[in-house]
Amino acid sequence: MPTIRAATHDDIDALVPLWHELEATQSRFRAYPVADDAEQRLLASFRAAVDAEDGDVLVAYDGDEPIGMALVHLEHPSRQSDELAAELSRVVIRSDRRGTGLGKALIAAAESWARGRGVRTLVAAIFVANEPSRRFWTAIGFEPWVERMVREVGPA
């Protein structure tokens, strides 16, 4: 049975293949090109989350093998409110483990993480065109809240 726990610095390098899998899925939906140093930025964001009081990287392990992850951190989703939400990003389950309930378990762990910090809301940003992702989040009770729209204005 997989276990889910907060990552430590010793886990971070082992999460890179999961990120590559996530990027392979999401790349066709991106409005902006991925930077040449994206992997270094990712690793820095994971290190920051591990060190932060207001964030974590939750990792699902099967033995010593990472099979899923989610970055979670506290944010103010509204400029007109002092209430915090737990924002989820970089959520991915290894492709051969999808459909097993592991995604739901990872989000339940994020829910517990949020409750433990007095937060009542989870927020997840997904690409509108990513239908499998939309189905997953809807199936576990998430509802659309804000839609960001983009339009190119021409060369910089």
Protein backbone atom coordinates (compact mmCIF):
# COMPACT_ATOMS: atom_id res chain seq x y z
CA MET A 1 0.00 0.00 0.00
CA PRO A 2 1.44 3.40 -0.96
CA THR A 3 2.27 5.93 1.76
CA ILE A 4 1.99 9.69 1.51
CA ARG A 5 4.22 12.04 3.44
CA ALA A 6 5.85 15.45 3.28
CA ALA A 7 9.06 15.41 1.28
CA THR A 8 12.47 16.11 2.74
CA HIS A 9 15.49 17.46 0.91
CA ASP A 10 16.60 13.85 0.38
CA ASP A 11 13.45 13.23 -1.74
CA ILE A 12 13.70 16.17 -4.10
CA ASP A 13 15.93 14.75 -6.85
CA ALA A 14 13.79 11.60 -7.03
CA LEU A 15 10.76 13.75 -7.94
CA VAL A 16 12.22 15.04 -11.21
CA PRO A 17 10.92 12.08 -13.29
CA LEU A 18 7.39 12.77 -12.00
CA TRP A 19 7.76 16.40 -13.06
CA HIS A 20 8.92 15.29 -16.52
CA GLU A 21 5.82 13.12 -16.81
CA LEU A 22 3.64 16.05 -15.77
CA GLU A 23 5.35 18.32 -18.30
CA ALA A 24 4.84 15.75 -21.08
CA THR A 25 1.11 15.85 -20.33
CA GLN A 26 0.80 19.61 -19.88
CA SER A 27 3.16 20.93 -22.57
CA ARG A 28 0.49 21.04 -25.27
CA PHE A 29 -1.69 23.29 -23.10
CA ARG A 30 0.95 25.89 -22.18
CA ALA A 31 0.58 29.48 -23.36
CA TYR A 32 4.19 30.26 -22.48
CA PRO A 33 7.35 28.36 -23.44
CA VAL A 34 9.16 26.47 -20.71
CA ALA A 35 12.43 28.18 -19.77
CA ASP A 36 15.76 26.47 -20.43
CA ASP A 37 16.39 26.33 -16.68
CA ALA A 38 12.90 25.06 -15.80
CA GLU A 39 14.22 21.97 -14.03
CA GLN A 40 16.49 24.08 -11.81
CA ARG A 41 13.56 26.38 -11.05
CA LEU A 42 11.44 23.36 -10.16
CA LEU A 43 14.08 21.99 -7.82
CA ALA A 44 14.42 25.41 -6.19
CA SER A 45 10.64 25.60 -5.69
CA PHE A 46 10.64 22.14 -4.10
CA ARG A 47 13.51 23.07 -1.79
CA ALA A 48 11.70 26.27 -0.82
CA ALA A 49 8.47 24.36 -0.11
CA VAL A 50 10.31 21.81 2.05
CA ASP A 51 11.90 24.65 4.05
CA ALA A 52 8.78 26.83 4.27
CA GLU A 53 6.37 26.91 7.16
CA ASP A 54 3.55 27.62 4.72
CA GLY A 55 4.27 24.90 2.13
CA ASP A 56 5.22 21.30 1.50
CA VAL A 57 5.70 18.80 -1.26
CA LEU A 58 3.50 15.80 -0.53
CA VAL A 59 4.87 12.60 -2.02
CA ALA A 60 3.21 9.23 -2.54
CA TYR A 61 5.67 6.35 -2.24
CA ASP A 62 5.39 2.67 -3.05
CA GLY A 63 8.31 1.38 -1.04
CA ASP A 64 11.24 3.59 -2.02
CA GLU A 65 9.70 4.63 -5.33
CA PRO A 66 7.90 7.99 -5.69
CA ILE A 67 4.69 7.46 -7.64
CA GLY A 68 2.87 10.74 -7.09
CA MET A 69 3.31 14.24 -5.76
CA ALA A 70 1.61 17.54 -5.06
CA LEU A 71 3.08 20.89 -4.11
CA VAL A 72 0.89 22.60 -1.52
CA HIS A 73 1.29 26.07 -0.08
CA LEU A 74 -0.77 28.71 1.64
CA GLU A 75 -1.91 31.71 -0.37
CA HIS A 76 -4.37 34.59 -0.25
CA PRO A 77 -6.68 33.78 -3.18
CA SER A 78 -8.55 37.08 -2.87
CA ARG A 79 -7.08 40.53 -2.42
CA GLN A 80 -10.27 41.52 -0.60
CA SER A 81 -9.97 38.84 2.09
CA ASP A 82 -7.53 37.85 4.81
CA GLU A 83 -8.57 34.19 4.56
CA LEU A 84 -5.94 31.75 3.38
CA ALA A 85 -6.39 28.82 1.00
CA ALA A 86 -4.12 25.88 0.28
CA GLU A 87 -3.08 26.01 -3.36
CA LEU A 88 -2.20 22.73 -5.08
CA SER A 89 0.20 22.64 -7.98
CA ARG A 90 2.44 20.14 -9.77
CA VAL A 91 -0.04 17.40 -8.93
CA VAL A 92 0.83 14.21 -10.78
CA ILE A 93 0.38 10.48 -10.39
CA ARG A 94 2.71 8.26 -12.38
CA SER A 95 0.82 7.12 -15.48
CA ASP A 96 0.91 3.41 -14.59
CA ARG A 97 -0.73 4.21 -11.21
CA ARG A 98 -3.57 6.43 -12.40
CA GLY A 99 -7.09 5.19 -11.79
CA THR A 100 -6.09 3.40 -8.57
CA GLY A 101 -7.40 6.02 -6.12
CA LEU A 102 -3.93 7.37 -5.43
CA GLY A 103 -4.83 10.84 -6.75
CA LYS A 104 -7.78 11.00 -4.37
CA ALA A 105 -5.54 9.87 -1.52
CA LEU A 106 -2.96 12.55 -2.36
CA ILE A 107 -5.65 15.25 -2.37
CA ALA A 108 -7.02 13.89 0.92
CA ALA A 109 -3.51 14.28 2.37
CA ALA A 110 -3.46 17.88 1.11
CA GLU A 111 -6.86 18.40 2.71
CA SER A 112 -5.50 17.17 6.05
CA TRP A 113 -2.45 19.39 5.61
CA ALA A 114 -4.75 22.39 5.07
CA ARG A 115 -7.05 21.57 7.99
CA GLY A 116 -4.02 21.26 10.25
CA ARG A 117 -3.23 24.88 9.42
CA GLY A 118 -6.78 26.14 9.97
CA VAL A 119 -7.49 26.45 6.25
CA ARG A 120 -10.89 25.48 4.87
CA THR A 121 -10.34 25.77 1.10
CA LEU A 122 -8.18 23.97 -1.46
CA VAL A 123 -7.47 25.69 -4.78
CA ALA A 124 -6.13 23.91 -7.87
CA ALA A 125 -5.17 25.62 -11.13
CA ILE A 126 -5.62 23.43 -14.19
CA PHE A 127 -5.46 24.00 -17.92
CA VAL A 128 -8.98 24.44 -19.30
CA ALA A 129 -8.26 22.21 -22.31
CA ASN A 130 -6.93 19.35 -20.16
CA GLU A 131 -10.10 17.25 -20.11
CA PRO A 132 -8.73 14.31 -18.09
CA SER A 133 -7.57 16.74 -15.41
CA ARG A 134 -10.91 18.56 -15.40
CA ARG A 135 -12.75 15.24 -14.99
CA PHE A 136 -10.50 14.22 -12.09
CA TRP A 137 -10.87 17.48 -10.16
CA THR A 138 -14.63 17.63 -10.77
CA ALA A 139 -15.07 14.02 -9.65
CA ILE A 140 -13.47 14.79 -6.29
CA GLY A 141 -15.67 17.82 -5.65
CA PHE A 142 -13.77 20.78 -7.08
CA GLU A 143 -15.78 23.41 -8.94
CA PRO A 144 -14.69 26.10 -11.41
CA TRP A 145 -14.08 29.41 -9.71
CA VAL A 146 -11.95 31.74 -11.84
CA GLU A 147 -11.00 31.36 -15.46
CA ARG A 148 -7.96 33.27 -16.73
CA MET A 149 -7.95 34.15 -20.38
CA VAL A 150 -4.92 34.94 -22.51
CA ARG A 151 -4.37 36.57 -25.88
CA GLU A 152 -1.11 37.21 -27.68
CA VAL A 153 -0.40 40.82 -28.57
CA GLY A 154 2.49 40.16 -30.91
CA PRO A 155 6.28 40.08 -30.63
CA ALA A 156 7.90 41.53 -27.55
